Protein backbone atom coordinates (compact mmCIF):
# COMPACT_ATOMS: atom_id res chain seq x y z
CA UNK A 1 -8.11 1.63 -18.86
CA UNK A 2 -9.65 -0.22 -16.64
CA UNK A 3 -8.33 -2.85 -14.53
CA UNK A 4 -11.29 -5.03 -13.44
CA UNK A 5 -11.17 -7.94 -10.74
CA UNK A 6 -14.24 -10.37 -10.80
CA UNK A 7 -15.35 -11.79 -8.30
CA UNK A 8 -11.91 -12.97 -7.36
CA UNK A 9 -10.97 -16.26 -4.55
CA UNK A 10 -7.78 -18.15 -4.24
CA UNK A 11 -8.67 -21.05 -1.96
CA UNK A 12 -6.20 -23.38 -0.01
CA UNK A 13 -8.14 -26.42 1.38
CA UNK A 14 -10.89 -25.12 3.54
CA UNK A 15 -9.58 -21.77 4.23
CA UNK A 16 -9.47 -18.43 1.67
CA UNK A 17 -7.09 -16.17 1.55
CA UNK A 18 -9.04 -13.99 -0.92
CA UNK A 19 -12.71 -14.27 -1.01
CA UNK A 20 -14.91 -13.26 -4.26
CA UNK A 21 -13.31 -10.11 -4.53
CA UNK A 22 -14.57 -7.23 -6.78
CA UNK A 23 -13.65 -4.42 -8.11
CA UNK A 24 -13.18 -1.88 -11.19
CA UNK A 25 -9.29 0.46 -10.89
CA UNK A 26 -9.03 3.27 -13.18
CA UNK A 27 -5.65 5.28 -13.60
CA UNK A 28 -4.67 6.64 -10.02
CA UNK A 29 -2.90 5.46 -7.12
CA UNK A 30 -5.36 2.99 -4.74
CA UNK A 31 -4.73 2.22 -1.48
CA UNK A 32 -4.91 -1.37 -0.50
CA UNK A 33 -5.10 -1.48 3.61
CA UNK A 34 -5.92 -3.94 6.13
CA UNK A 35 -4.01 -6.34 8.90
CA UNK A 36 -1.70 -8.76 8.59
CA UNK A 37 -3.26 -12.10 7.04
CA UNK A 38 -6.10 -9.82 5.22
CA UNK A 39 -4.95 -10.87 1.77
CA UNK A 40 -3.22 -8.55 0.60
CA UNK A 41 -0.31 -9.96 -0.94
CA UNK A 42 -2.09 -12.95 -1.92
CA UNK A 43 -4.49 -10.46 -4.35
CA UNK A 44 -1.63 -8.65 -5.46
CA UNK A 45 0.19 -11.70 -6.47
CA UNK A 46 -3.03 -12.83 -8.33
CA UNK A 47 -2.78 -9.42 -10.11
CA UNK A 48 0.44 -9.55 -11.06
CA UNK A 49 0.21 -13.96 -12.68
CA UNK A 50 2.33 -14.79 -9.64
CA UNK A 51 -0.52 -17.00 -8.40
CA UNK A 52 -3.65 -18.35 -9.95
CA UNK A 53 -7.21 -17.59 -8.84
CA UNK A 54 -8.96 -20.30 -7.23
CA UNK A 55 -12.28 -19.03 -8.99
CA UNK A 56 -12.70 -15.43 -10.55
CA UNK A 57 -11.31 -13.89 -13.51
CA UNK A 58 -8.62 -10.26 -13.71
CA UNK A 59 -9.71 -8.30 -17.14
CA UNK A 60 -7.96 -5.41 -18.50
CA UNK A 61 -10.06 -3.26 -20.51
CA UNK A 62 -12.75 -5.81 -20.54
CA UNK A 63 -10.49 -8.34 -21.92
CA UNK A 64 -9.40 -11.32 -19.51
CA UNK A 65 -5.90 -11.27 -18.86
CA UNK A 66 -5.26 -14.95 -19.27
CA UNK A 67 -6.54 -14.92 -23.07
CA UNK A 68 -3.73 -11.29 -23.36
CA UNK A 69 -0.97 -13.37 -21.88
CA UNK A 70 2.67 -11.79 -22.69
CA UNK A 71 0.53 -8.74 -23.57
CA UNK A 72 -1.18 -8.32 -20.25
CA UNK A 73 2.69 -8.72 -18.41
CA UNK A 74 4.28 -6.63 -21.57
CA UNK A 75 2.27 -3.61 -19.05
CA UNK A 76 2.54 -4.54 -15.86
CA UNK A 77 5.22 -3.52 -12.98
CA UNK A 78 5.37 -5.34 -9.85
CA UNK A 79 7.57 -4.86 -6.49
CA UNK A 80 7.21 -7.33 -4.14
CA UNK A 81 7.61 -6.79 0.13
CA UNK A 82 10.54 -9.21 0.08
CA UNK A 83 12.73 -7.97 -3.24
CA UNK A 84 15.62 -9.47 -4.61
CA UNK A 85 18.74 -7.96 -5.52
CA UNK A 86 21.95 -9.43 -6.59
CA UNK A 87 24.32 -7.87 -4.36
CA UNK A 88 27.61 -7.79 -6.44
CA UNK A 89 25.78 -5.92 -8.90
CA UNK A 90 26.01 -1.78 -9.52
CA UNK A 91 22.32 -0.17 -9.23
CA UNK A 92 23.46 0.54 -13.37
CA UNK A 93 24.06 -2.81 -14.17
CA UNK A 94 21.40 -4.80 -12.02
CA UNK A 95 18.80 -2.29 -14.13
CA UNK A 96 20.07 -3.11 -17.35
CA UNK A 97 19.81 -7.29 -16.44
CA UNK A 98 16.45 -6.50 -15.72
CA UNK A 99 15.30 -4.87 -18.64
CA UNK A 100 17.13 -7.79 -20.71
CA UNK A 101 14.38 -10.10 -18.16
CA UNK A 102 11.63 -7.89 -19.43
CA UNK A 103 12.83 -8.25 -23.16
CA UNK A 104 13.44 -4.40 -23.40
CA UNK A 105 16.34 -3.64 -26.13
CA UNK A 106 19.67 -2.34 -25.20
CA UNK A 107 19.99 0.87 -26.62
CA UNK A 108 16.03 1.73 -25.20
CA UNK A 109 16.91 -0.14 -22.01
CA UNK A 110 20.12 2.32 -21.59
CA UNK A 111 18.50 5.20 -22.46
CA UNK A 112 15.52 4.00 -19.34
CA UNK A 113 17.63 3.10 -17.02
CA UNK A 114 19.68 6.38 -16.85
CA UNK A 115 16.24 8.19 -17.00
CA UNK A 116 14.90 6.22 -14.30
CA UNK A 117 18.34 6.72 -11.81
CA UNK A 118 17.50 10.24 -12.33
CA UNK A 119 14.51 9.70 -10.78
CA UNK A 120 14.51 8.01 -8.23
CA UNK A 121 18.10 10.24 -7.86
CA UNK A 122 20.22 7.30 -7.79
CA UNK A 123 22.04 8.90 -10.76
CA UNK A 124 25.65 9.47 -8.41
CA UNK A 125 25.58 6.12 -6.89
CA UNK A 126 24.61 4.12 -10.26
CA UNK A 127 27.99 2.62 -10.56
CA UNK A 128 28.16 1.28 -6.59
CA UNK A 129 27.45 -2.34 -5.33
CA UNK A 130 24.04 -2.97 -4.63
CA UNK A 131 25.47 -4.32 -1.19
CA UNK A 132 26.72 -1.01 -0.35
CA UNK A 133 23.23 0.90 -0.44
CA UNK A 134 20.73 1.82 1.71
CA UNK A 135 17.73 0.64 2.51
CA UNK A 136 15.84 2.84 1.03
CA UNK A 137 18.48 3.44 -1.75
CA UNK A 138 17.20 -0.24 -2.22
CA UNK A 139 13.62 0.57 -2.03
CA UNK A 140 14.01 3.36 -4.97
CA UNK A 141 16.28 0.89 -6.66
CA UNK A 142 13.23 -1.85 -6.93
CA UNK A 143 10.70 0.48 -7.88
CA UNK A 144 13.06 1.89 -10.97
CA UNK A 145 12.75 -2.05 -11.90
CA UNK A 146 9.38 -1.90 -11.69
CA UNK A 147 9.33 0.91 -13.93
CA UNK A 148 11.65 0.01 -16.49
CA UNK A 149 9.18 -1.22 -18.70
CA UNK A 150 7.03 2.18 -18.58
CA UNK A 151 4.00 -0.42 -17.27
CA UNK A 152 0.22 0.96 -17.57
CA UNK A 153 -0.03 -1.22 -14.13
CA UNK A 154 2.08 -0.47 -10.94
CA UNK A 155 2.04 -2.89 -7.93
CA UNK A 156 3.62 -2.03 -4.82
CA UNK A 157 3.60 -4.24 -1.72
CA UNK A 158 5.07 -2.53 1.60
CA UNK A 159 7.59 -0.36 -0.44
CA UNK A 160 7.76 2.46 2.11
CA UNK A 161 8.66 -0.71 4.87
CA UNK A 162 11.53 0.55 6.97
CA UNK A 163 12.50 3.36 5.85
CA UNK A 164 13.40 6.25 7.90
CA UNK A 165 10.60 9.97 7.21
CA UNK A 166 12.70 11.66 5.22
CA UNK A 167 12.39 8.51 2.41
CA UNK A 168 9.39 7.82 3.09
CA UNK A 169 8.67 11.26 1.46
CA UNK A 170 10.99 10.84 -1.14
CA UNK A 171 9.69 7.86 -2.12
CA UNK A 172 6.14 9.15 -1.91
CA UNK A 173 6.88 11.59 -4.62
CA UNK A 174 8.35 9.35 -6.75
CA UNK A 175 5.31 7.31 -6.76
CA UNK A 176 3.02 10.52 -7.33
CA UNK A 177 5.19 11.14 -10.54
CA UNK A 178 4.83 7.85 -11.85
CA UNK A 179 1.13 7.36 -11.48
CA UNK A 180 0.19 9.75 -14.15
CA UNK A 181 -2.20 7.93 -16.48
CA UNK A 182 -1.57 4.26 -14.85
CA UNK A 183 -3.08 2.06 -12.35
CA UNK A 184 -1.29 1.90 -9.05
CA UNK A 185 -1.99 -0.65 -6.37
CA UNK A 186 -0.20 0.66 -3.39
CA UNK A 187 -0.18 -1.65 -0.41
CA UNK A 188 1.14 -0.16 2.86
CA UNK A 189 1.37 -0.79 7.13
CA UNK A 190 1.70 2.78 7.11
CA UNK A 191 -1.56 4.74 6.83
CA UNK A 192 -0.02 8.18 6.76
CA UNK A 193 1.76 7.18 3.21
CA UNK A 194 -1.45 6.19 1.72
CA UNK A 195 -3.49 9.35 2.86
CA UNK A 196 -1.02 12.07 1.00
CA UNK A 197 -0.50 10.26 -2.13
CA UNK A 198 -3.99 8.04 -2.71
CA UNK A 199 -7.11 8.57 -4.80
CA UNK A 200 -9.12 5.89 -3.73
CA UNK A 201 -8.97 3.56 -0.30
CA UNK A 202 -9.58 -0.46 -0.68
CA UNK A 203 -9.90 -1.59 2.37
CA UNK A 204 -9.24 -5.81 3.04
CA UNK A 205 -10.51 -7.81 6.26
CA UNK A 206 -10.37 -11.41 5.93
CA UNK A 207 -9.97 -11.45 2.54
CA UNK A 208 -12.94 -9.48 1.53
CA UNK A 209 -13.22 -5.65 0.82
CA UNK A 210 -14.97 -4.21 3.47
CA UNK A 211 -14.61 -1.00 1.98
CA UNK A 212 -13.57 0.90 -1.48
CA UNK A 213 -13.87 4.64 -1.45
CA UNK A 214 -12.54 8.23 -3.20
CA UNK A 215 -10.46 9.35 -0.40
CA UNK A 216 -11.96 12.29 -0.87
CA UNK A 217 -15.10 10.73 1.15
CA UNK A 218 -13.12 7.69 2.32
CA UNK A 219 -13.45 8.69 6.02
CA UNK A 220 -17.46 10.17 5.68
CA UNK A 221 -18.88 6.48 7.40
CA UNK A 222 -16.95 7.52 10.50
CA UNK A 223 -17.95 11.76 10.59
CA UNK A 224 -19.37 12.47 13.80
CA UNK A 225 -18.01 9.64 16.01
CA UNK A 226 -14.45 10.65 16.78
CA UNK A 227 -13.67 12.14 20.05
CA UNK A 228 -11.43 13.89 21.81
CA UNK A 229 -10.92 14.86 25.80
CA UNK A 230 -8.49 15.82 28.45
CA UNK A 231 -8.35 14.11 31.50
CA UNK A 232 -5.77 12.89 34.73
CA UNK A 233 -3.90 9.73 34.09
CA UNK A 234 -6.39 7.15 36.23
CA UNK A 235 -9.24 8.28 34.66
CA UNK A 236 -7.36 8.12 31.22
CA UNK A 237 -7.03 3.76 32.45
CA UNK A 238 -10.36 3.88 32.47
CA UNK A 239 -11.68 4.64 28.78
CA UNK A 240 -9.10 2.69 27.98
CA UNK A 241 -11.22 -0.14 29.21
CA UNK A 242 -14.45 1.09 27.63
CA UNK A 243 -13.71 2.83 24.73
CA UNK A 244 -12.03 2.03 21.87
CA UNK A 245 -9.09 4.94 22.39
CA UNK A 246 -7.25 5.60 19.20
CA UNK A 247 -4.34 8.03 20.63
CA UNK A 248 -3.58 9.12 23.97
CA UNK A 249 -0.57 11.64 24.40
CA UNK A 250 0.72 13.39 27.72
CA UNK A 251 0.24 17.12 27.85
CA UNK A 252 1.57 18.72 31.19
CA UNK A 253 -0.58 17.46 34.17
CA UNK A 254 -3.57 15.93 31.60
CA UNK A 255 -4.01 13.20 29.00
CA UNK A 256 -5.18 14.32 26.08
CA UNK A 257 -7.46 10.96 24.42
CA UNK A 258 -8.95 10.33 20.61
CA UNK A 259 -11.83 8.03 21.48
CA UNK A 260 -14.21 6.38 18.72
CA UNK A 261 -17.24 6.39 20.43
CA UNK A 262 -20.77 5.69 18.41
CA UNK A 263 -21.86 8.34 21.28
CA UNK A 264 -19.58 10.99 23.32
CA UNK A 265 -17.85 9.52 25.77
CA UNK A 266 -18.44 11.99 28.11
CA UNK A 267 -19.52 15.40 28.71
CA UNK A 268 -16.51 17.17 28.06
CA UNK A 269 -15.65 15.36 24.99
CA UNK A 270 -15.50 17.68 21.82
CA UNK A 271 -15.63 15.92 18.33
CA UNK A 272 -13.02 15.98 15.87
CA UNK A 273 -12.92 15.74 11.80
CA UNK A 274 -12.09 11.87 11.50
CA UNK A 275 -8.52 10.68 9.58
CA UNK A 276 -7.91 8.03 8.11
CA UNK A 277 -5.97 6.33 10.86
CA UNK A 278 -9.05 6.53 12.73
CA UNK A 279 -11.02 4.69 9.99
CA UNK A 280 -8.48 1.90 9.93
CA UNK A 281 -8.18 1.65 13.83
CA UNK A 282 -12.19 1.29 13.75
CA UNK A 283 -12.28 -1.56 11.47
CA UNK A 284 -8.93 -3.41 12.81
CA UNK A 285 -8.52 -2.45 16.85
CA UNK A 286 -9.44 -5.86 18.16
CA UNK A 287 -7.13 -7.56 15.52
CA UNK A 288 -3.80 -4.88 16.49
CA UNK A 289 -4.27 -5.44 20.16
CA UNK A 290 -4.64 -8.70 19.63
CA UNK A 291 -1.53 -8.46 17.74
CA UNK A 292 -0.03 -5.89 20.24
CA UNK A 293 -0.65 -8.68 23.37
CA UNK A 294 2.15 -11.12 24.40
């Protein structure tokens, strides 16, 4: 199975939210990374048919999704960033309702609902009203509804946002279980979540893909550019004005800096292995620093 994006664009008047994006996605988890406004959600909404592209096309196994119509959407599962629930439904009632909306017959819907409630660890809470659920429970219910039709393509927009570390780990494990033989596109701001489960990384900036690499080699482009060193607090401030500091950690009477630089930032700096977070900050440090300014 292959999902193909061919010269996909979405234009609003003179501005492009997504511009000339192309990629071929095989089964596995594809981590979609980018700063706010990079075009991630617009791209996912086009893949899900919520938005119509201004130009270009989306193909499943070589067939345009416009021609496939319902045959395509029957193979699609989508969990949007702001997923709406009916608060007075129980978890079980909500999944049965969504199964009916998706056209799943009642007998199959009951079997699938019970299986998914178990998989996302909501069996004991299945008959409680959704309005009583925690944020993590609602997120798990959200992915369960996206999986009701056992889709070949699963789109998850910020599924771990607002979850505590324990819930995020549980959610990552659920996604890994679901990812077998599916194309999973996972958008998130939490880089560590992607680094644990993604097979490939797609990085967007200003509506375009700037990177599409396997997870095993994605950081190769900044290998030899990530350094650490120990210094005093006053000198650390000076480094912050001249280099891209991706991490600062106070340790007893010194400060450990992690810096991205083409050359060693100091004589006593030592080279370290790059991480996905280093790569993200390498490409987006200017945008994230602007966002943090008052």
